Amino acid sequence: MNQIDEVRLDKWLWAARFFKTRHLAVEAINGGKVQVNGSRAKPGRDIRPGMQVSIHKGSLVWEVQVLAVSQQRRPAAEAAQLYLEDAASRTRREELLLRQREAGPQDTFGERPTKRDRRQFERFTMDQGG
């Protein structure tokens, strides 16, 4: 990792692998989904080690402390060394993921039927004599 003192928030989020692209990171920051030291931030805000960053992505929340900064996107193992996640944040996130897995796939009620669904419906109605 490069030894630099500070880096833009959007670039750090991308390098730490919270977002796949910098554009997605900028959209999240502008949408108020990322806070630095408890306050809303702009994409160009400089991030330094020791700062607290809160990241909301869908129903998941990360509360992390910045340990290092990097301008390059590195492998996930190296990216994980850029921050330290709060233990309470990690347990909340893991419990939420576990509950979502246990709930199974969500119902697709209200969506248009697929071709397969229509064929099954036609077979069902023909078998019923209708």
N, C-alpha and C. Protein backbone atom coordinates (compact mmCIF):
# COMPACT_ATOMS: atom_id res chain seq x y z
N MET A 1 0.83 -1.18 0.00
CA MET A 1 0.00 0.00 0.00
C MET A 1 0.87 1.24 0.00
N ASN A 2 0.38 2.26 -0.64
CA ASN A 2 1.11 3.52 -0.68
C ASN A 2 1.06 4.18 0.69
N GLN A 3 2.14 4.81 1.09
CA GLN A 3 2.20 5.52 2.35
C GLN A 3 1.83 6.97 2.10
N ILE A 4 0.55 7.27 2.19
CA ILE A 4 0.06 8.63 2.03
C ILE A 4 -0.72 9.00 3.29
N ASP A 5 -0.88 10.29 3.55
CA ASP A 5 -1.52 10.75 4.77
C ASP A 5 -3.04 10.81 4.67
N GLU A 6 -3.54 11.20 3.50
CA GLU A 6 -4.99 11.35 3.35
C GLU A 6 -5.39 11.08 1.91
N VAL A 7 -6.68 10.74 1.75
CA VAL A 7 -7.20 10.43 0.43
C VAL A 7 -8.68 10.82 0.42
N ARG A 8 -9.23 11.04 -0.76
CA ARG A 8 -10.64 11.40 -0.89
C ARG A 8 -11.53 10.28 -0.35
N LEU A 9 -12.65 10.64 0.22
CA LEU A 9 -13.57 9.66 0.79
C LEU A 9 -14.06 8.67 -0.25
N ASP A 10 -14.47 9.14 -1.42
CA ASP A 10 -14.98 8.23 -2.45
C ASP A 10 -13.91 7.24 -2.89
N LYS A 11 -12.68 7.72 -3.01
CA LYS A 11 -11.58 6.84 -3.42
C LYS A 11 -11.26 5.82 -2.33
N TRP A 12 -11.33 6.23 -1.06
CA TRP A 12 -11.07 5.30 0.03
C TRP A 12 -12.14 4.21 0.10
N LEU A 13 -13.41 4.58 -0.05
CA LEU A 13 -14.49 3.59 -0.03
C LEU A 13 -14.34 2.57 -1.15
N TRP A 14 -13.90 3.04 -2.30
CA TRP A 14 -13.66 2.15 -3.44
C TRP A 14 -12.44 1.26 -3.18
N ALA A 15 -11.36 1.82 -2.65
CA ALA A 15 -10.15 1.05 -2.38
C ALA A 15 -10.38 0.03 -1.26
N ALA A 16 -11.23 0.37 -0.29
CA ALA A 16 -11.52 -0.54 0.82
C ALA A 16 -12.59 -1.57 0.43
N ARG A 17 -13.04 -1.51 -0.81
CA ARG A 17 -13.99 -2.49 -1.38
C ARG A 17 -15.37 -2.47 -0.76
N PHE A 18 -15.82 -1.29 -0.31
CA PHE A 18 -17.20 -1.17 0.12
C PHE A 18 -18.11 -0.97 -1.08
N PHE A 19 -17.57 -0.38 -2.16
CA PHE A 19 -18.33 -0.16 -3.38
C PHE A 19 -17.51 -0.64 -4.57
N LYS A 20 -18.20 -1.15 -5.58
CA LYS A 20 -17.52 -1.73 -6.74
C LYS A 20 -16.88 -0.66 -7.63
N THR A 21 -17.52 0.51 -7.69
CA THR A 21 -16.97 1.60 -8.50
C THR A 21 -16.95 2.88 -7.67
N ARG A 22 -16.15 3.83 -8.09
CA ARG A 22 -16.12 5.13 -7.41
C ARG A 22 -17.43 5.86 -7.63
N HIS A 23 -18.05 5.64 -8.78
CA HIS A 23 -19.33 6.29 -9.07
C HIS A 23 -20.40 5.84 -8.07
N LEU A 24 -20.44 4.56 -7.76
CA LEU A 24 -21.40 4.07 -6.76
C LEU A 24 -21.09 4.65 -5.38
N ALA A 25 -19.82 4.80 -5.07
CA ALA A 25 -19.42 5.41 -3.80
C ALA A 25 -19.89 6.86 -3.73
N VAL A 26 -19.73 7.60 -4.82
CA VAL A 26 -20.16 9.00 -4.87
C VAL A 26 -21.67 9.10 -4.70
N GLU A 27 -22.41 8.21 -5.37
CA GLU A 27 -23.87 8.22 -5.24
C GLU A 27 -24.30 7.96 -3.79
N ALA A 28 -23.64 7.02 -3.13
CA ALA A 28 -23.98 6.71 -1.74
C ALA A 28 -23.65 7.91 -0.83
N ILE A 29 -22.52 8.54 -1.06
CA ILE A 29 -22.13 9.69 -0.25
C ILE A 29 -23.12 10.83 -0.45
N ASN A 30 -23.45 11.12 -1.70
CA ASN A 30 -24.39 12.21 -1.99
C ASN A 30 -25.80 11.89 -1.48
N GLY A 31 -26.13 10.61 -1.38
CA GLY A 31 -27.43 10.20 -0.87
C GLY A 31 -27.50 10.16 0.65
N GLY A 32 -26.42 10.52 1.33
CA GLY A 32 -26.41 10.55 2.78
C GLY A 32 -26.21 9.19 3.42
N LYS A 33 -25.73 8.23 2.67
CA LYS A 33 -25.53 6.87 3.18
C LYS A 33 -24.18 6.69 3.85
N VAL A 34 -23.32 7.68 3.77
CA VAL A 34 -21.98 7.60 4.38
C VAL A 34 -21.78 8.81 5.28
N GLN A 35 -21.36 8.54 6.52
CA GLN A 35 -21.08 9.62 7.45
C GLN A 35 -19.65 9.47 7.96
N VAL A 36 -19.01 10.61 8.17
CA VAL A 36 -17.64 10.62 8.69
C VAL A 36 -17.66 11.35 10.02
N ASN A 37 -17.18 10.68 11.06
CA ASN A 37 -17.17 11.23 12.42
C ASN A 37 -18.56 11.74 12.83
N GLY A 38 -19.61 11.02 12.43
CA GLY A 38 -20.96 11.34 12.83
C GLY A 38 -21.67 12.41 12.03
N SER A 39 -21.02 12.95 11.00
CA SER A 39 -21.68 13.98 10.20
C SER A 39 -21.62 13.62 8.72
N ARG A 40 -22.56 14.16 7.97
CA ARG A 40 -22.64 13.89 6.56
C ARG A 40 -21.40 14.46 5.86
N ALA A 41 -20.94 13.77 4.83
CA ALA A 41 -19.70 14.17 4.17
C ALA A 41 -19.93 14.35 2.67
N LYS A 42 -18.95 14.94 2.03
CA LYS A 42 -18.95 15.08 0.58
C LYS A 42 -17.90 14.13 0.01
N PRO A 43 -18.03 13.77 -1.28
CA PRO A 43 -17.09 12.81 -1.88
C PRO A 43 -15.63 13.24 -1.81
N GLY A 44 -15.37 14.54 -1.86
CA GLY A 44 -14.01 15.04 -1.86
C GLY A 44 -13.40 15.22 -0.49
N ARG A 45 -14.12 14.87 0.55
CA ARG A 45 -13.60 15.03 1.91
C ARG A 45 -12.38 14.15 2.11
N ASP A 46 -11.35 14.71 2.72
CA ASP A 46 -10.12 13.95 2.96
C ASP A 46 -10.31 13.03 4.16
N ILE A 47 -9.88 11.79 3.99
CA ILE A 47 -9.95 10.77 5.04
C ILE A 47 -8.54 10.48 5.53
N ARG A 48 -8.39 10.44 6.86
CA ARG A 48 -7.11 10.14 7.48
C ARG A 48 -7.28 9.00 8.47
N PRO A 49 -6.23 8.29 8.79
CA PRO A 49 -6.33 7.24 9.80
C PRO A 49 -6.85 7.81 11.13
N GLY A 50 -7.70 7.02 11.79
CA GLY A 50 -8.28 7.45 13.06
C GLY A 50 -9.70 7.96 12.93
N MET A 51 -10.15 8.26 11.72
CA MET A 51 -11.51 8.76 11.53
C MET A 51 -12.51 7.61 11.60
N GLN A 52 -13.73 7.93 12.03
CA GLN A 52 -14.82 6.96 12.10
C GLN A 52 -15.72 7.15 10.88
N VAL A 53 -16.03 6.06 10.19
CA VAL A 53 -16.88 6.11 9.00
C VAL A 53 -18.04 5.15 9.20
N SER A 54 -19.24 5.64 8.91
CA SER A 54 -20.45 4.82 8.99
C SER A 54 -20.99 4.67 7.57
N ILE A 55 -21.18 3.42 7.13
CA ILE A 55 -21.59 3.14 5.75
C ILE A 55 -22.89 2.35 5.79
N HIS A 56 -23.93 2.89 5.14
CA HIS A 56 -25.23 2.22 5.03
C HIS A 56 -25.39 1.76 3.59
N LYS A 57 -25.55 0.45 3.43
CA LYS A 57 -25.68 -0.12 2.09
C LYS A 57 -26.86 -1.09 2.12
N GLY A 58 -28.00 -0.65 1.60
CA GLY A 58 -29.20 -1.46 1.70
C GLY A 58 -29.60 -1.54 3.17
N SER A 59 -29.80 -2.74 3.68
CA SER A 59 -30.16 -2.91 5.08
C SER A 59 -28.93 -3.15 5.95
N LEU A 60 -27.75 -3.17 5.36
CA LEU A 60 -26.51 -3.44 6.09
C LEU A 60 -25.84 -2.13 6.51
N VAL A 61 -25.23 -2.17 7.69
CA VAL A 61 -24.53 -0.98 8.21
C VAL A 61 -23.15 -1.41 8.71
N TRP A 62 -22.14 -0.67 8.31
CA TRP A 62 -20.77 -0.87 8.79
C TRP A 62 -20.37 0.36 9.59
N GLU A 63 -19.84 0.15 10.78
CA GLU A 63 -19.24 1.20 11.60
C GLU A 63 -17.76 0.87 11.67
N VAL A 64 -16.92 1.64 10.97
CA VAL A 64 -15.51 1.30 10.89
C VAL A 64 -14.64 2.48 11.30
N GLN A 65 -13.43 2.13 11.74
CA GLN A 65 -12.40 3.12 12.03
C GLN A 65 -11.34 2.98 10.95
N VAL A 66 -10.94 4.08 10.37
CA VAL A 66 -9.93 4.07 9.30
C VAL A 66 -8.57 3.81 9.94
N LEU A 67 -7.89 2.76 9.47
CA LEU A 67 -6.55 2.44 9.95
C LEU A 67 -5.47 2.93 9.01
N ALA A 68 -5.78 2.90 7.70
CA ALA A 68 -4.81 3.32 6.69
C ALA A 68 -5.58 3.82 5.47
N VAL A 69 -4.88 4.51 4.61
CA VAL A 69 -5.49 4.99 3.37
C VAL A 69 -4.70 4.47 2.18
N SER A 70 -5.41 4.30 1.08
CA SER A 70 -4.78 3.82 -0.15
C SER A 70 -5.52 4.41 -1.33
N GLN A 71 -4.79 4.75 -2.38
CA GLN A 71 -5.41 5.26 -3.58
C GLN A 71 -5.61 4.17 -4.61
N GLN A 72 -5.12 2.98 -4.34
CA GLN A 72 -5.25 1.87 -5.27
C GLN A 72 -6.19 0.83 -4.71
N ARG A 73 -6.94 0.19 -5.59
CA ARG A 73 -7.81 -0.91 -5.20
C ARG A 73 -6.97 -2.18 -5.22
N ARG A 74 -6.80 -2.78 -4.06
CA ARG A 74 -5.97 -3.96 -3.90
C ARG A 74 -6.85 -5.18 -3.62
N PRO A 75 -6.27 -6.37 -3.51
CA PRO A 75 -7.07 -7.56 -3.18
C PRO A 75 -7.82 -7.39 -1.85
N ALA A 76 -8.89 -8.17 -1.69
CA ALA A 76 -9.76 -8.04 -0.52
C ALA A 76 -9.00 -8.20 0.79
N ALA A 77 -8.04 -9.09 0.84
CA ALA A 77 -7.27 -9.29 2.07
C ALA A 77 -6.51 -8.02 2.45
N GLU A 78 -5.96 -7.34 1.48
CA GLU A 78 -5.24 -6.08 1.75
C GLU A 78 -6.21 -4.95 2.04
N ALA A 79 -7.35 -4.94 1.37
CA ALA A 79 -8.35 -3.89 1.59
C ALA A 79 -8.91 -3.96 3.01
N ALA A 80 -9.04 -5.16 3.56
CA ALA A 80 -9.55 -5.32 4.92
C ALA A 80 -8.60 -4.73 5.96
N GLN A 81 -7.35 -4.53 5.60
CA GLN A 81 -6.39 -3.94 6.53
C GLN A 81 -6.50 -2.41 6.58
N LEU A 82 -7.34 -1.83 5.72
CA LEU A 82 -7.51 -0.38 5.71
C LEU A 82 -8.44 0.10 6.82
N TYR A 83 -9.22 -0.80 7.42
CA TYR A 83 -10.20 -0.40 8.42
C TYR A 83 -10.34 -1.47 9.49
N LEU A 84 -10.95 -1.05 10.61
CA LEU A 84 -11.27 -1.96 11.70
C LEU A 84 -12.74 -1.76 12.00
N GLU A 85 -13.51 -2.84 11.84
CA GLU A 85 -14.95 -2.75 12.08
C GLU A 85 -15.26 -2.92 13.56
N ASP A 86 -16.18 -2.12 14.05
CA ASP A 86 -16.63 -2.20 15.43
C ASP A 86 -17.28 -3.57 15.67
N ALA A 87 -17.03 -4.18 16.82
CA ALA A 87 -17.56 -5.52 17.11
C ALA A 87 -19.08 -5.53 17.11
N ALA A 88 -19.71 -4.51 17.67
CA ALA A 88 -21.17 -4.44 17.70
C ALA A 88 -21.73 -4.34 16.29
N SER A 89 -21.07 -3.57 15.44
CA SER A 89 -21.49 -3.42 14.05
C SER A 89 -21.41 -4.77 13.33
N ARG A 90 -20.34 -5.47 13.55
CA ARG A 90 -20.16 -6.78 12.89
C ARG A 90 -21.24 -7.77 13.32
N THR A 91 -21.53 -7.85 14.63
CA THR A 91 -22.54 -8.80 15.10
C THR A 91 -23.93 -8.44 14.58
N ARG A 92 -24.28 -7.15 14.57
CA ARG A 92 -25.58 -6.72 14.02
C ARG A 92 -25.71 -7.12 12.56
N ARG A 93 -24.66 -6.87 11.80
CA ARG A 93 -24.68 -7.18 10.37
C ARG A 93 -24.77 -8.69 10.13
N GLU A 94 -24.01 -9.48 10.89
CA GLU A 94 -24.05 -10.94 10.72
C GLU A 94 -25.41 -11.51 11.12
N GLU A 95 -26.04 -10.97 12.19
CA GLU A 95 -27.36 -11.43 12.58
C GLU A 95 -28.40 -11.11 11.52
N LEU A 96 -28.31 -9.92 10.94
CA LEU A 96 -29.24 -9.53 9.88
C LEU A 96 -29.09 -10.45 8.66
N LEU A 97 -27.87 -10.74 8.27
CA LEU A 97 -27.64 -11.64 7.15
C LEU A 97 -28.16 -13.04 7.44
N LEU A 98 -28.00 -13.50 8.68
CA LEU A 98 -28.50 -14.81 9.05
C LEU A 98 -30.02 -14.87 8.99
N ARG A 99 -30.69 -13.82 9.50
CA ARG A 99 -32.15 -13.77 9.42
C ARG A 99 -32.64 -13.73 7.98
N GLN A 100 -31.93 -13.00 7.10
CA GLN A 100 -32.33 -12.94 5.70
C GLN A 100 -32.17 -14.30 5.03
N ARG A 101 -31.11 -15.03 5.37
CA ARG A 101 -30.91 -16.36 4.79
C ARG A 101 -32.00 -17.32 5.27
N GLU A 102 -32.36 -17.23 6.54
CA GLU A 102 -33.39 -18.11 7.09
C GLU A 102 -34.76 -17.81 6.49
N ALA A 103 -35.02 -16.56 6.16
CA ALA A 103 -36.31 -16.18 5.59
C ALA A 103 -36.49 -16.76 4.20
N GLY A 104 -35.40 -17.04 3.52
CA GLY A 104 -35.47 -17.63 2.19
C GLY A 104 -35.75 -16.56 1.14
N PRO A 105 -36.01 -17.01 -0.09
CA PRO A 105 -36.27 -16.04 -1.16
C PRO A 105 -37.59 -15.31 -0.93
N GLN A 106 -37.63 -14.08 -1.33
CA GLN A 106 -38.82 -13.26 -1.16
C GLN A 106 -39.87 -13.63 -2.21
N ASP A 107 -41.12 -13.47 -1.85
CA ASP A 107 -42.20 -13.74 -2.80
C ASP A 107 -42.15 -12.73 -3.94
N THR A 108 -42.54 -13.18 -5.12
CA THR A 108 -42.55 -12.31 -6.28
C THR A 108 -43.99 -11.92 -6.62
N PHE A 109 -44.83 -11.82 -5.58
CA PHE A 109 -46.23 -11.47 -5.78
C PHE A 109 -46.32 -10.08 -6.41
N GLY A 110 -47.16 -9.96 -7.42
CA GLY A 110 -47.37 -8.68 -8.07
C GLY A 110 -46.57 -8.52 -9.34
N GLU A 111 -45.65 -9.41 -9.61
CA GLU A 111 -44.88 -9.32 -10.84
C GLU A 111 -45.61 -10.05 -11.96
N ARG A 112 -45.26 -9.73 -13.17
CA ARG A 112 -45.86 -10.41 -14.31
C ARG A 112 -45.44 -11.87 -14.33
N PRO A 113 -46.36 -12.76 -14.73
CA PRO A 113 -45.98 -14.17 -14.80
C PRO A 113 -45.00 -14.41 -15.94
N THR A 114 -44.13 -15.37 -15.73
CA THR A 114 -43.20 -15.74 -16.79
C THR A 114 -43.90 -16.68 -17.76
N LYS A 115 -43.25 -16.98 -18.85
CA LYS A 115 -43.81 -17.90 -19.83
C LYS A 115 -44.08 -19.26 -19.17
N ARG A 116 -43.16 -19.69 -18.34
CA ARG A 116 -43.32 -20.97 -17.63
C ARG A 116 -44.54 -20.92 -16.73
N ASP A 117 -44.73 -19.82 -16.00
CA ASP A 117 -45.90 -19.67 -15.12
C ASP A 117 -47.20 -19.75 -15.92
N ARG A 118 -47.23 -19.08 -17.07
CA ARG A 118 -48.44 -19.09 -17.90
C ARG A 118 -48.75 -20.50 -18.40
N ARG A 119 -47.73 -21.21 -18.80
CA ARG A 119 -47.95 -22.59 -19.27
C ARG A 119 -48.48 -23.48 -18.16
N GLN A 120 -47.92 -23.35 -16.97
CA GLN A 120 -48.40 -24.14 -15.83
C GLN A 120 -49.86 -23.79 -15.51
N PHE A 121 -50.20 -22.52 -15.58
CA PHE A 121 -51.57 -22.10 -15.33
C PHE A 121 -52.52 -22.67 -16.37
N GLU A 122 -52.10 -22.63 -17.64
CA GLU A 122 -52.94 -23.19 -18.71
C GLU A 122 -53.15 -24.68 -18.51
N ARG A 123 -52.08 -25.41 -18.15
CA ARG A 123 -52.22 -26.85 -17.89
C ARG A 123 -53.16 -27.11 -16.72
N PHE A 124 -53.06 -26.31 -15.70
CA PHE A 124 -53.91 -26.47 -14.53
C PHE A 124 -55.37 -26.24 -14.89
N THR A 125 -55.66 -25.18 -15.64
CA THR A 125 -57.04 -24.89 -16.00
C THR A 125 -57.61 -25.93 -16.96
N MET A 126 -56.77 -26.47 -17.86
CA MET A 126 -57.24 -27.51 -18.77
C MET A 126 -57.55 -28.80 -18.01
N ASP A 127 -56.75 -29.11 -16.98
CA ASP A 127 -56.97 -30.32 -16.19
C ASP A 127 -58.24 -30.20 -15.34
N GLN A 128 -58.59 -28.98 -14.98
CA GLN A 128 -59.78 -28.75 -14.17
C GLN A 128 -61.05 -28.73 -14.99
N GLY A 129 -60.90 -28.77 -16.31
CA GLY A 129 -62.06 -28.78 -17.19
C GLY A 129 -62.53 -27.39 -17.55
N GLY A 130 -61.66 -26.43 -17.43
CA GLY A 130 -62.10 -25.07 -17.65
C GLY A 130 -61.58 -24.53 -18.91
